[in-house]
N, C-alpha and C. Protein backbone atom coordinates (compact mmCIF):
# COMPACT_ATOMS: atom_id res chain seq x y z
N MET A 1 70.85 90.80 130.10
CA MET A 1 69.51 91.34 130.04
C MET A 1 69.53 92.66 129.28
N SER A 2 68.64 92.86 128.35
CA SER A 2 68.60 94.11 127.59
C SER A 2 68.18 95.26 128.49
N LEU A 3 68.56 96.49 128.05
CA LEU A 3 68.21 97.67 128.84
C LEU A 3 66.71 97.83 128.94
N SER A 4 66.00 97.58 127.84
CA SER A 4 64.54 97.75 127.87
C SER A 4 63.90 96.73 128.80
N ARG A 5 64.41 95.49 128.79
CA ARG A 5 63.87 94.44 129.68
C ARG A 5 64.14 94.81 131.14
N ARG A 6 65.38 95.27 131.41
CA ARG A 6 65.72 95.63 132.79
C ARG A 6 64.89 96.82 133.26
N SER A 7 64.69 97.79 132.37
CA SER A 7 63.88 98.96 132.73
C SER A 7 62.45 98.55 133.05
N PHE A 8 61.92 97.63 132.26
CA PHE A 8 60.57 97.16 132.51
C PHE A 8 60.47 96.48 133.88
N LEU A 9 61.45 95.65 134.21
CA LEU A 9 61.43 94.95 135.49
C LEU A 9 61.54 95.93 136.65
N LEU A 10 62.40 96.94 136.50
CA LEU A 10 62.53 97.93 137.55
C LEU A 10 61.22 98.67 137.79
N LEU A 11 60.52 99.01 136.71
CA LEU A 11 59.23 99.69 136.85
C LEU A 11 58.20 98.76 137.46
N ALA A 12 58.18 97.51 137.03
CA ALA A 12 57.22 96.54 137.57
C ALA A 12 57.47 96.29 139.04
N TYR A 13 58.75 96.28 139.43
CA TYR A 13 59.11 96.07 140.82
C TYR A 13 58.76 97.28 141.67
N ALA A 14 59.02 98.47 141.12
CA ALA A 14 58.81 99.70 141.89
C ALA A 14 57.35 99.94 142.20
N ALA A 15 56.45 99.57 141.29
CA ALA A 15 55.03 99.88 141.48
C ALA A 15 54.46 99.27 142.75
N PRO A 16 54.59 97.94 142.97
CA PRO A 16 54.02 97.39 144.21
C PRO A 16 54.79 97.78 145.45
N LEU A 17 56.02 98.29 145.28
CA LEU A 17 56.82 98.65 146.44
C LEU A 17 56.65 100.09 146.87
N ALA A 18 55.90 100.86 146.09
CA ALA A 18 55.75 102.27 146.43
C ALA A 18 55.21 102.45 147.84
N ALA A 19 54.33 101.54 148.26
CA ALA A 19 53.71 101.67 149.57
C ALA A 19 54.47 100.93 150.66
N CYS A 20 55.34 99.96 150.26
CA CYS A 20 55.94 99.12 151.31
C CYS A 20 57.45 99.18 151.33
N GLY A 21 58.09 99.80 150.37
CA GLY A 21 59.53 99.93 150.41
C GLY A 21 59.92 100.93 151.49
N GLY A 22 61.19 100.88 151.91
CA GLY A 22 61.63 101.85 152.89
C GLY A 22 62.59 101.25 153.88
N VAL A 23 62.35 101.48 155.16
CA VAL A 23 63.27 101.08 156.21
C VAL A 23 62.92 99.69 156.72
N TYR A 24 63.92 98.83 156.77
CA TYR A 24 63.78 97.48 157.32
C TYR A 24 64.73 97.35 158.50
N GLN A 25 64.51 96.34 159.32
CA GLN A 25 65.30 96.29 160.53
C GLN A 25 65.41 94.90 161.12
N THR A 26 66.48 94.72 161.86
CA THR A 26 66.57 93.65 162.83
C THR A 26 66.38 94.32 164.18
N ALA A 27 65.32 93.93 164.89
CA ALA A 27 64.96 94.69 166.09
C ALA A 27 64.23 93.82 167.09
N PHE A 28 64.45 94.14 168.37
CA PHE A 28 63.69 93.61 169.50
C PHE A 28 63.90 94.58 170.64
N PRO A 29 63.03 94.59 171.65
CA PRO A 29 63.09 95.65 172.67
C PRO A 29 64.40 95.75 173.43
N GLN A 30 64.89 94.60 173.94
CA GLN A 30 66.13 94.66 174.71
C GLN A 30 66.76 93.27 174.79
N GLN A 31 68.06 93.26 175.00
CA GLN A 31 68.75 92.00 175.20
C GLN A 31 68.47 91.47 176.60
N LEU A 32 68.37 90.15 176.70
CA LEU A 32 68.25 89.52 178.01
C LEU A 32 69.61 89.54 178.70
N SER A 33 69.59 89.42 180.02
CA SER A 33 70.83 89.44 180.79
C SER A 33 71.56 88.11 180.64
N PRO A 34 72.82 88.13 180.20
CA PRO A 34 73.56 86.87 180.12
C PRO A 34 73.76 86.21 181.48
N ALA A 35 73.70 87.02 182.56
CA ALA A 35 73.79 86.43 183.89
C ALA A 35 72.64 85.47 184.14
N VAL A 36 71.50 85.74 183.48
CA VAL A 36 70.33 84.86 183.58
C VAL A 36 70.38 83.77 182.52
N THR A 37 70.56 84.16 181.27
CA THR A 37 70.43 83.17 180.19
C THR A 37 71.55 82.14 180.21
N ASN A 38 72.71 82.49 180.74
CA ASN A 38 73.79 81.49 180.81
C ASN A 38 73.51 80.39 181.83
N THR A 39 72.44 80.57 182.64
CA THR A 39 72.01 79.48 183.53
C THR A 39 71.02 78.55 182.83
N TRP A 40 70.59 78.93 181.62
CA TRP A 40 69.59 78.16 180.89
C TRP A 40 70.24 77.06 180.05
N ARG A 41 69.46 76.01 179.84
CA ARG A 41 69.78 74.99 178.84
C ARG A 41 68.50 74.75 178.05
N ILE A 42 68.53 75.00 176.76
CA ILE A 42 67.32 74.90 175.94
C ILE A 42 67.07 73.43 175.60
N THR A 43 66.00 72.89 176.16
CA THR A 43 65.68 71.49 175.96
C THR A 43 64.73 71.26 174.79
N SER A 44 64.07 72.33 174.35
CA SER A 44 63.14 72.19 173.23
C SER A 44 62.88 73.55 172.60
N VAL A 45 62.72 73.55 171.29
CA VAL A 45 62.28 74.73 170.55
C VAL A 45 60.98 74.38 169.86
N ARG A 46 59.95 75.15 170.14
CA ARG A 46 58.62 74.88 169.57
C ARG A 46 58.19 76.08 168.73
N VAL A 47 57.93 75.82 167.45
CA VAL A 47 57.56 76.88 166.53
C VAL A 47 56.12 76.67 166.08
N VAL A 48 55.32 77.70 166.23
CA VAL A 48 53.92 77.66 165.81
C VAL A 48 53.78 78.42 164.50
N GLU A 49 53.19 77.78 163.51
CA GLU A 49 52.85 78.42 162.25
C GLU A 49 51.34 78.58 162.20
N ARG A 50 50.87 79.78 162.41
CA ARG A 50 49.43 80.00 162.38
C ARG A 50 48.89 79.71 160.98
N GLN A 51 47.87 78.84 160.91
CA GLN A 51 47.31 78.49 159.62
C GLN A 51 46.59 79.66 158.95
N SER A 52 46.36 80.72 159.72
CA SER A 52 45.72 81.91 159.14
C SER A 52 46.69 82.71 158.28
N LEU A 53 47.99 82.43 158.38
CA LEU A 53 48.96 83.13 157.54
C LEU A 53 48.75 82.76 156.08
N THR A 54 48.71 83.76 155.23
CA THR A 54 48.47 83.51 153.81
C THR A 54 49.76 83.04 153.13
N VAL A 55 49.59 82.20 152.13
CA VAL A 55 50.71 81.64 151.37
C VAL A 55 50.50 81.93 149.90
N SER A 56 51.55 82.31 149.20
CA SER A 56 51.45 82.54 147.76
C SER A 56 52.42 81.66 147.00
N GLU A 57 51.91 81.03 145.94
CA GLU A 57 52.74 80.28 145.01
C GLU A 57 52.77 80.96 143.64
N VAL A 58 52.32 82.20 143.60
CA VAL A 58 52.23 82.94 142.35
C VAL A 58 53.64 83.18 141.80
N HIS A 59 53.80 82.97 140.50
CA HIS A 59 55.09 83.23 139.84
C HIS A 59 55.16 84.71 139.49
N SER A 60 55.55 85.49 140.47
CA SER A 60 55.65 86.94 140.26
C SER A 60 56.83 87.46 141.06
N LEU A 61 57.12 88.74 140.88
CA LEU A 61 58.27 89.34 141.55
C LEU A 61 58.02 89.55 143.04
N VAL A 62 56.85 90.08 143.39
CA VAL A 62 56.57 90.39 144.79
C VAL A 62 55.14 89.95 145.13
N PRO A 63 54.91 88.67 145.43
CA PRO A 63 53.56 88.22 145.78
C PRO A 63 53.07 88.87 147.07
N GLU A 64 51.78 89.08 147.14
CA GLU A 64 51.16 89.60 148.36
C GLU A 64 50.77 88.42 149.25
N ALA A 65 51.55 88.15 150.29
CA ALA A 65 51.26 87.03 151.18
C ALA A 65 52.13 87.14 152.42
N ASP A 66 51.72 86.45 153.49
CA ASP A 66 52.54 86.40 154.70
C ASP A 66 53.72 85.46 154.52
N ILE A 67 53.50 84.36 153.81
CA ILE A 67 54.55 83.38 153.58
C ILE A 67 54.86 83.30 152.09
N VAL A 68 56.10 83.58 151.75
CA VAL A 68 56.60 83.38 150.40
C VAL A 68 57.89 82.57 150.54
N TRP A 69 57.86 81.35 150.05
CA TRP A 69 59.01 80.46 150.21
C TRP A 69 59.06 79.51 149.02
N ARG A 70 60.26 79.32 148.44
CA ARG A 70 60.38 78.58 147.20
C ARG A 70 61.40 77.46 147.22
N GLU A 71 62.36 77.45 148.13
CA GLU A 71 63.47 76.50 148.00
C GLU A 71 63.11 75.08 148.41
N ASP A 72 62.04 74.86 149.14
CA ASP A 72 61.58 73.50 149.43
C ASP A 72 60.52 73.10 148.41
N PRO A 73 60.24 71.80 148.29
CA PRO A 73 59.31 71.33 147.25
C PRO A 73 57.93 71.99 147.35
N VAL A 74 57.40 72.35 146.19
CA VAL A 74 56.09 73.01 146.14
C VAL A 74 54.98 72.07 146.61
N THR A 75 55.23 70.77 146.58
CA THR A 75 54.23 69.80 147.02
C THR A 75 54.12 69.73 148.54
N GLY A 76 55.05 70.36 149.25
CA GLY A 76 55.01 70.31 150.71
C GLY A 76 54.12 71.37 151.31
N ASP A 77 54.01 71.32 152.62
CA ASP A 77 53.23 72.29 153.39
C ASP A 77 54.14 73.48 153.71
N ARG A 78 53.86 74.63 153.13
CA ARG A 78 54.73 75.79 153.33
C ARG A 78 54.78 76.20 154.79
N HIS A 79 53.66 76.11 155.51
CA HIS A 79 53.68 76.44 156.94
C HIS A 79 54.68 75.54 157.68
N GLN A 80 54.64 74.27 157.38
CA GLN A 80 55.53 73.32 158.05
C GLN A 80 56.98 73.56 157.64
N GLN A 81 57.21 73.83 156.36
CA GLN A 81 58.57 74.09 155.89
C GLN A 81 59.18 75.29 156.60
N VAL A 82 58.39 76.35 156.73
CA VAL A 82 58.88 77.54 157.42
C VAL A 82 59.11 77.25 158.90
N ALA A 83 58.23 76.47 159.51
CA ALA A 83 58.41 76.11 160.92
C ALA A 83 59.72 75.36 161.14
N VAL A 84 60.08 74.48 160.22
CA VAL A 84 61.34 73.74 160.34
C VAL A 84 62.53 74.68 160.22
N ILE A 85 62.48 75.60 159.26
CA ILE A 85 63.56 76.57 159.09
C ILE A 85 63.74 77.39 160.37
N MET A 86 62.63 77.88 160.90
CA MET A 86 62.72 78.71 162.09
C MET A 86 63.17 77.91 163.30
N HIS A 87 62.72 76.67 163.42
CA HIS A 87 63.18 75.80 164.50
C HIS A 87 64.70 75.66 164.45
N ASP A 88 65.22 75.34 163.27
CA ASP A 88 66.67 75.12 163.13
C ASP A 88 67.45 76.40 163.44
N ALA A 89 66.91 77.55 163.01
CA ALA A 89 67.59 78.82 163.25
C ALA A 89 67.62 79.17 164.73
N ILE A 90 66.47 79.03 165.39
CA ILE A 90 66.39 79.37 166.82
C ILE A 90 67.24 78.42 167.65
N ALA A 91 67.18 77.11 167.31
CA ALA A 91 68.00 76.14 168.03
C ALA A 91 69.48 76.44 167.86
N ALA A 92 69.89 76.83 166.67
CA ALA A 92 71.30 77.17 166.44
C ALA A 92 71.70 78.39 167.25
N GLY A 93 70.81 79.37 167.34
CA GLY A 93 71.12 80.56 168.10
C GLY A 93 71.23 80.34 169.59
N ALA A 94 70.52 79.33 170.08
CA ALA A 94 70.50 79.06 171.52
C ALA A 94 71.47 77.96 171.94
N ARG A 95 72.24 77.47 170.99
CA ARG A 95 73.10 76.30 171.25
C ARG A 95 74.18 76.58 172.29
N ALA A 96 74.57 77.84 172.44
CA ALA A 96 75.66 78.16 173.36
C ALA A 96 75.24 78.06 174.83
N LEU A 97 73.93 78.02 175.09
CA LEU A 97 73.47 77.99 176.48
C LEU A 97 73.63 76.58 177.04
N ARG A 98 74.43 76.45 178.10
CA ARG A 98 74.74 75.13 178.65
C ARG A 98 74.56 75.11 180.17
N GLY A 99 73.59 75.89 180.65
CA GLY A 99 73.34 75.92 182.09
C GLY A 99 72.55 74.70 182.56
N SER A 100 72.07 74.78 183.79
CA SER A 100 71.35 73.65 184.39
C SER A 100 69.84 73.85 184.43
N HIS A 101 69.38 75.06 184.12
CA HIS A 101 67.95 75.38 184.17
C HIS A 101 67.31 75.02 182.83
N SER A 102 66.46 74.01 182.81
CA SER A 102 65.84 73.53 181.58
C SER A 102 64.76 74.50 181.11
N VAL A 103 64.90 74.97 179.86
CA VAL A 103 64.03 76.01 179.33
C VAL A 103 63.56 75.62 177.93
N ILE A 104 62.32 75.98 177.63
CA ILE A 104 61.74 75.79 176.31
C ILE A 104 61.56 77.15 175.65
N LEU A 105 61.96 77.25 174.40
CA LEU A 105 61.70 78.46 173.61
C LEU A 105 60.50 78.21 172.70
N GLN A 106 59.53 79.10 172.79
CA GLN A 106 58.31 78.99 171.99
C GLN A 106 58.22 80.19 171.06
N ALA A 107 58.10 79.93 169.78
CA ALA A 107 58.06 81.02 168.79
C ALA A 107 56.82 80.90 167.92
N THR A 108 56.23 82.05 167.61
CA THR A 108 55.09 82.12 166.71
C THR A 108 55.46 83.04 165.55
N VAL A 109 55.48 82.48 164.35
CA VAL A 109 55.87 83.24 163.17
C VAL A 109 54.69 84.08 162.69
N SER A 110 54.94 85.35 162.38
CA SER A 110 53.89 86.21 161.84
C SER A 110 54.17 86.62 160.39
N ARG A 111 55.42 86.49 159.95
CA ARG A 111 55.75 86.80 158.55
C ARG A 111 57.04 86.11 158.16
N PHE A 112 57.02 85.49 156.98
CA PHE A 112 58.22 84.85 156.43
C PHE A 112 58.16 85.06 154.93
N HIS A 113 58.69 86.19 154.49
CA HIS A 113 58.57 86.59 153.09
C HIS A 113 59.97 86.60 152.48
N ALA A 114 60.34 85.45 151.88
CA ALA A 114 61.61 85.36 151.18
C ALA A 114 61.38 85.73 149.71
N LEU A 115 62.35 85.42 148.84
CA LEU A 115 62.23 85.79 147.44
C LEU A 115 61.65 84.67 146.60
N THR A 116 60.86 85.04 145.62
CA THR A 116 60.52 84.08 144.56
C THR A 116 61.75 83.89 143.69
N PHE A 117 61.78 82.82 142.91
CA PHE A 117 62.90 82.62 142.01
C PHE A 117 62.93 83.69 140.92
N GLU A 118 61.74 84.20 140.57
CA GLU A 118 61.69 85.29 139.60
C GLU A 118 62.39 86.53 140.15
N ALA A 119 62.12 86.86 141.41
CA ALA A 119 62.77 88.02 142.03
C ALA A 119 64.27 87.78 142.18
N GLU A 120 64.63 86.58 142.61
CA GLU A 120 66.04 86.26 142.81
C GLU A 120 66.82 86.38 141.49
N THR A 121 66.21 85.95 140.40
CA THR A 121 66.90 85.92 139.12
C THR A 121 66.91 87.27 138.42
N GLU A 122 65.79 87.99 138.49
CA GLU A 122 65.60 89.12 137.59
C GLU A 122 65.71 90.50 138.23
N LEU A 123 65.58 90.58 139.55
CA LEU A 123 65.56 91.90 140.16
C LEU A 123 66.95 92.41 140.48
N PRO A 124 67.11 93.73 140.56
CA PRO A 124 68.40 94.29 140.97
C PRO A 124 68.65 94.01 142.44
N ASP A 125 69.81 94.43 142.90
CA ASP A 125 70.22 94.11 144.27
C ASP A 125 69.57 95.06 145.25
N ALA A 126 68.25 94.92 145.40
CA ALA A 126 67.53 95.83 146.29
C ALA A 126 66.38 95.10 146.96
N VAL A 127 66.58 93.83 147.23
CA VAL A 127 65.50 92.99 147.74
C VAL A 127 65.77 92.59 149.19
N VAL A 128 64.73 92.08 149.85
CA VAL A 128 64.77 91.87 151.30
C VAL A 128 64.10 90.55 151.66
N HIS A 129 64.70 89.83 152.59
CA HIS A 129 64.01 88.75 153.28
C HIS A 129 63.38 89.36 154.53
N ASN A 130 62.06 89.22 154.64
CA ASN A 130 61.31 89.89 155.71
C ASN A 130 60.79 88.83 156.69
N ILE A 131 61.39 88.75 157.88
CA ILE A 131 61.11 87.70 158.86
C ILE A 131 60.65 88.35 160.16
N GLN A 132 59.49 87.93 160.68
CA GLN A 132 58.99 88.45 161.95
C GLN A 132 58.38 87.31 162.77
N PHE A 133 58.62 87.36 164.08
CA PHE A 133 58.08 86.33 164.96
C PHE A 133 58.05 86.84 166.39
N ASP A 134 57.26 86.16 167.22
CA ASP A 134 57.22 86.42 168.66
C ASP A 134 57.83 85.22 169.37
N ILE A 135 58.58 85.47 170.43
CA ILE A 135 59.25 84.38 171.12
C ILE A 135 59.15 84.58 172.63
N GLN A 136 59.04 83.47 173.33
CA GLN A 136 59.09 83.54 174.79
C GLN A 136 59.84 82.32 175.32
N ALA A 137 60.41 82.49 176.50
CA ALA A 137 61.11 81.41 177.19
C ALA A 137 60.26 80.96 178.37
N VAL A 138 60.08 79.65 178.50
CA VAL A 138 59.28 79.13 179.61
C VAL A 138 60.07 78.04 180.34
N ASP A 139 59.81 77.92 181.61
CA ASP A 139 60.42 76.87 182.41
C ASP A 139 59.94 75.52 181.92
N ALA A 140 60.87 74.62 181.63
CA ALA A 140 60.50 73.33 181.06
C ALA A 140 59.70 72.46 182.01
N ARG A 141 59.84 72.69 183.31
CA ARG A 141 59.12 71.86 184.28
C ARG A 141 57.78 72.46 184.68
N SER A 142 57.79 73.74 185.03
CA SER A 142 56.57 74.36 185.55
C SER A 142 55.73 75.04 184.47
N GLY A 143 56.33 75.37 183.34
CA GLY A 143 55.63 76.12 182.31
C GLY A 143 55.56 77.60 182.58
N ALA A 144 56.18 78.05 183.67
CA ALA A 144 56.17 79.48 184.00
C ALA A 144 56.95 80.27 182.94
N VAL A 145 56.40 81.42 182.57
CA VAL A 145 57.06 82.26 181.58
C VAL A 145 58.25 82.96 182.22
N LEU A 146 59.41 82.78 181.62
CA LEU A 146 60.63 83.40 182.13
C LEU A 146 60.95 84.70 181.41
N SER A 147 60.50 84.80 180.17
CA SER A 147 60.72 86.02 179.40
C SER A 147 59.77 86.05 178.21
N GLY A 148 59.26 87.26 177.91
CA GLY A 148 58.42 87.42 176.73
C GLY A 148 56.95 87.26 177.03
N PRO A 149 56.15 87.19 175.95
CA PRO A 149 56.60 87.11 174.56
C PRO A 149 57.22 88.42 174.06
N THR A 150 58.22 88.27 173.23
CA THR A 150 58.95 89.39 172.65
C THR A 150 58.82 89.35 171.14
N HIS A 151 58.49 90.49 170.55
CA HIS A 151 58.39 90.56 169.09
C HIS A 151 59.77 90.83 168.51
N ILE A 152 60.16 90.00 167.56
CA ILE A 152 61.46 90.14 166.91
C ILE A 152 61.26 90.31 165.42
N GLU A 153 61.90 91.33 164.88
CA GLU A 153 61.98 91.49 163.44
C GLU A 153 63.41 91.13 163.03
N ALA A 154 63.52 90.26 162.05
CA ALA A 154 64.84 89.78 161.62
C ALA A 154 64.97 89.93 160.12
N ASP A 155 64.71 91.15 159.63
CA ASP A 155 64.87 91.43 158.20
C ASP A 155 66.35 91.38 157.83
N LEU A 156 66.62 90.97 156.61
CA LEU A 156 68.00 91.01 156.12
C LEU A 156 68.02 91.26 154.63
N PRO A 157 69.03 92.00 154.17
CA PRO A 157 69.16 92.22 152.73
C PRO A 157 69.35 90.88 152.02
N ALA A 158 68.65 90.71 150.93
CA ALA A 158 68.76 89.48 150.13
C ALA A 158 69.69 89.71 148.95
N LEU A 159 70.26 88.63 148.46
CA LEU A 159 71.05 88.69 147.24
C LEU A 159 70.18 88.33 146.05
N SER A 160 70.52 88.88 144.91
CA SER A 160 69.80 88.55 143.69
C SER A 160 70.75 88.66 142.51
N GLY A 161 70.26 88.24 141.34
CA GLY A 161 71.04 88.35 140.13
C GLY A 161 72.36 87.60 140.20
N ALA A 162 73.41 88.23 139.68
CA ALA A 162 74.72 87.59 139.61
C ALA A 162 75.29 87.28 140.99
N GLN A 163 75.01 88.13 141.98
CA GLN A 163 75.52 87.88 143.33
C GLN A 163 74.93 86.61 143.92
N MET A 164 73.62 86.41 143.73
CA MET A 164 73.01 85.20 144.27
C MET A 164 73.46 83.97 143.50
N ALA A 165 73.64 84.10 142.20
CA ALA A 165 74.13 82.98 141.41
C ALA A 165 75.51 82.55 141.89
N ALA A 166 76.37 83.52 142.18
CA ALA A 166 77.71 83.21 142.69
C ALA A 166 77.63 82.58 144.08
N ALA A 167 76.72 83.09 144.91
CA ALA A 167 76.55 82.53 146.25
C ALA A 167 76.11 81.07 146.19
N ARG A 168 75.20 80.77 145.28
CA ARG A 168 74.73 79.39 145.16
C ARG A 168 75.86 78.47 144.72
N LEU A 169 76.74 78.94 143.84
CA LEU A 169 77.89 78.13 143.43
C LEU A 169 78.79 77.83 144.61
N ASN A 170 78.78 78.69 145.62
CA ASN A 170 79.57 78.49 146.83
C ASN A 170 78.81 77.77 147.94
N GLY A 171 77.62 77.25 147.59
CA GLY A 171 76.86 76.47 148.56
C GLY A 171 75.92 77.25 149.44
N GLN A 172 75.80 78.56 149.20
CA GLN A 172 74.87 79.36 149.99
C GLN A 172 73.51 79.38 149.30
N THR A 173 72.48 79.45 150.11
CA THR A 173 71.10 79.48 149.62
C THR A 173 70.33 80.54 150.40
N GLN A 174 69.11 80.83 149.95
CA GLN A 174 68.25 81.69 150.75
C GLN A 174 68.09 81.09 152.15
N LYS A 175 67.88 79.79 152.19
CA LYS A 175 67.65 79.12 153.49
C LYS A 175 68.85 79.29 154.41
N SER A 176 70.05 79.04 153.91
CA SER A 176 71.23 79.12 154.78
C SER A 176 71.45 80.54 155.28
N MET A 177 71.18 81.52 154.42
CA MET A 177 71.36 82.91 154.83
C MET A 177 70.33 83.32 155.88
N ILE A 178 69.09 82.90 155.69
CA ILE A 178 68.03 83.23 156.66
C ILE A 178 68.32 82.55 158.00
N ILE A 179 68.68 81.27 157.97
CA ILE A 179 68.97 80.56 159.21
C ILE A 179 70.12 81.24 159.96
N ALA A 180 71.18 81.61 159.23
CA ALA A 180 72.32 82.24 159.88
C ALA A 180 71.93 83.57 160.52
N HIS A 181 71.11 84.36 159.82
CA HIS A 181 70.74 85.67 160.37
C HIS A 181 69.80 85.54 161.56
N VAL A 182 68.81 84.65 161.47
CA VAL A 182 67.90 84.46 162.61
C VAL A 182 68.67 83.91 163.80
N ALA A 183 69.60 82.99 163.57
CA ALA A 183 70.41 82.45 164.66
C ALA A 183 71.22 83.56 165.34
N GLN A 184 71.84 84.44 164.56
CA GLN A 184 72.58 85.56 165.13
C GLN A 184 71.67 86.48 165.93
N THR A 185 70.44 86.66 165.43
CA THR A 185 69.48 87.53 166.13
C THR A 185 69.05 86.91 167.46
N ILE A 186 68.87 85.60 167.48
CA ILE A 186 68.53 84.90 168.73
C ILE A 186 69.68 85.01 169.72
N GLN A 187 70.91 84.84 169.26
CA GLN A 187 72.07 85.01 170.15
C GLN A 187 72.09 86.40 170.74
N ALA A 188 71.80 87.41 169.91
CA ALA A 188 71.78 88.79 170.41
C ALA A 188 70.69 88.98 171.44
N TRP A 189 69.48 88.47 171.15
CA TRP A 189 68.36 88.59 172.09
C TRP A 189 68.69 87.91 173.42
N LEU A 190 69.34 86.75 173.36
CA LEU A 190 69.69 86.01 174.57
C LEU A 190 70.87 86.64 175.32
N GLY A 191 71.51 87.63 174.71
CA GLY A 191 72.63 88.29 175.37
C GLY A 191 73.92 87.51 175.32
N VAL A 192 74.02 86.52 174.42
CA VAL A 192 75.22 85.69 174.34
C VAL A 192 75.95 85.87 173.02
N GLY A 193 75.57 86.89 172.27
CA GLY A 193 76.23 87.19 171.01
C GLY A 193 76.18 88.68 170.75
N PRO A 194 76.90 89.14 169.73
CA PRO A 194 76.91 90.57 169.42
C PRO A 194 75.51 91.09 169.14
N ASP A 195 75.27 92.31 169.54
CA ASP A 195 73.98 92.96 169.30
C ASP A 195 73.91 93.34 167.81
N ASN A 196 73.10 92.62 167.05
CA ASN A 196 73.04 92.85 165.60
C ASN A 196 71.84 93.69 165.19
N ARG A 197 71.21 94.38 166.16
CA ARG A 197 70.08 95.22 165.81
C ARG A 197 70.53 96.41 164.95
N GLY A 198 69.67 96.77 164.02
CA GLY A 198 69.99 97.89 163.15
C GLY A 198 68.97 98.00 162.04
N THR A 199 69.09 99.07 161.28
CA THR A 199 68.14 99.31 160.19
C THR A 199 68.90 99.42 158.87
N PHE A 200 68.19 99.19 157.79
CA PHE A 200 68.72 99.44 156.45
C PHE A 200 67.57 99.87 155.57
N THR A 201 67.90 100.59 154.54
CA THR A 201 66.88 101.15 153.65
C THR A 201 67.04 100.56 152.26
N ARG A 202 65.95 99.98 151.76
CA ARG A 202 65.93 99.42 150.43
C ARG A 202 64.50 99.39 149.94
N PRO A 203 64.30 99.30 148.63
CA PRO A 203 63.02 98.75 148.20
C PRO A 203 62.95 97.34 148.78
N GLY A 204 61.79 96.84 149.07
CA GLY A 204 61.72 95.51 149.67
C GLY A 204 60.46 94.81 149.32
N ASN A 205 60.29 93.61 149.83
CA ASN A 205 59.11 92.82 149.50
C ASN A 205 58.21 92.81 150.71
């Protein structure tokens, strides 16, 4: 990429981020007690995608929308695609629970802003996958709420440019990275994995 082209992209990227760049985080109020959660067995994960969430298919660096997702077919329902990703991530995070108490995890996504292919290809290494959702645990038989709803932010630094190209050659994708991070965050929230809460500072989407 020429210096003038790269400079132009940096300026174009910086302008919409002036108001929204800054501190990102993986965060939730507190870890659940493993003495409790290790008695649970997750029998179902239910993910709600509110249809009021905005979706963008604009070919730009940083679209303004609640849902930005590109790796699944454009002909599909983006709300449903995101719901499947989040279902798989939450289920993976809860897989270690093998107790006798049947529990359902219910999650409502409020933001799923991954990278456009334009951002992945052309932007410097300063981009972010921005994931937010609310989750609660309910008794599978009675429907009684056992925990939550809890707001979880699961932001993670994204790869772009040559780093993402190399990652793809090794079989990694935006989807696999997001699923792995959300799964780790669920393990942390459930108290059955390392506490991965923390902040990082970048320009972001």
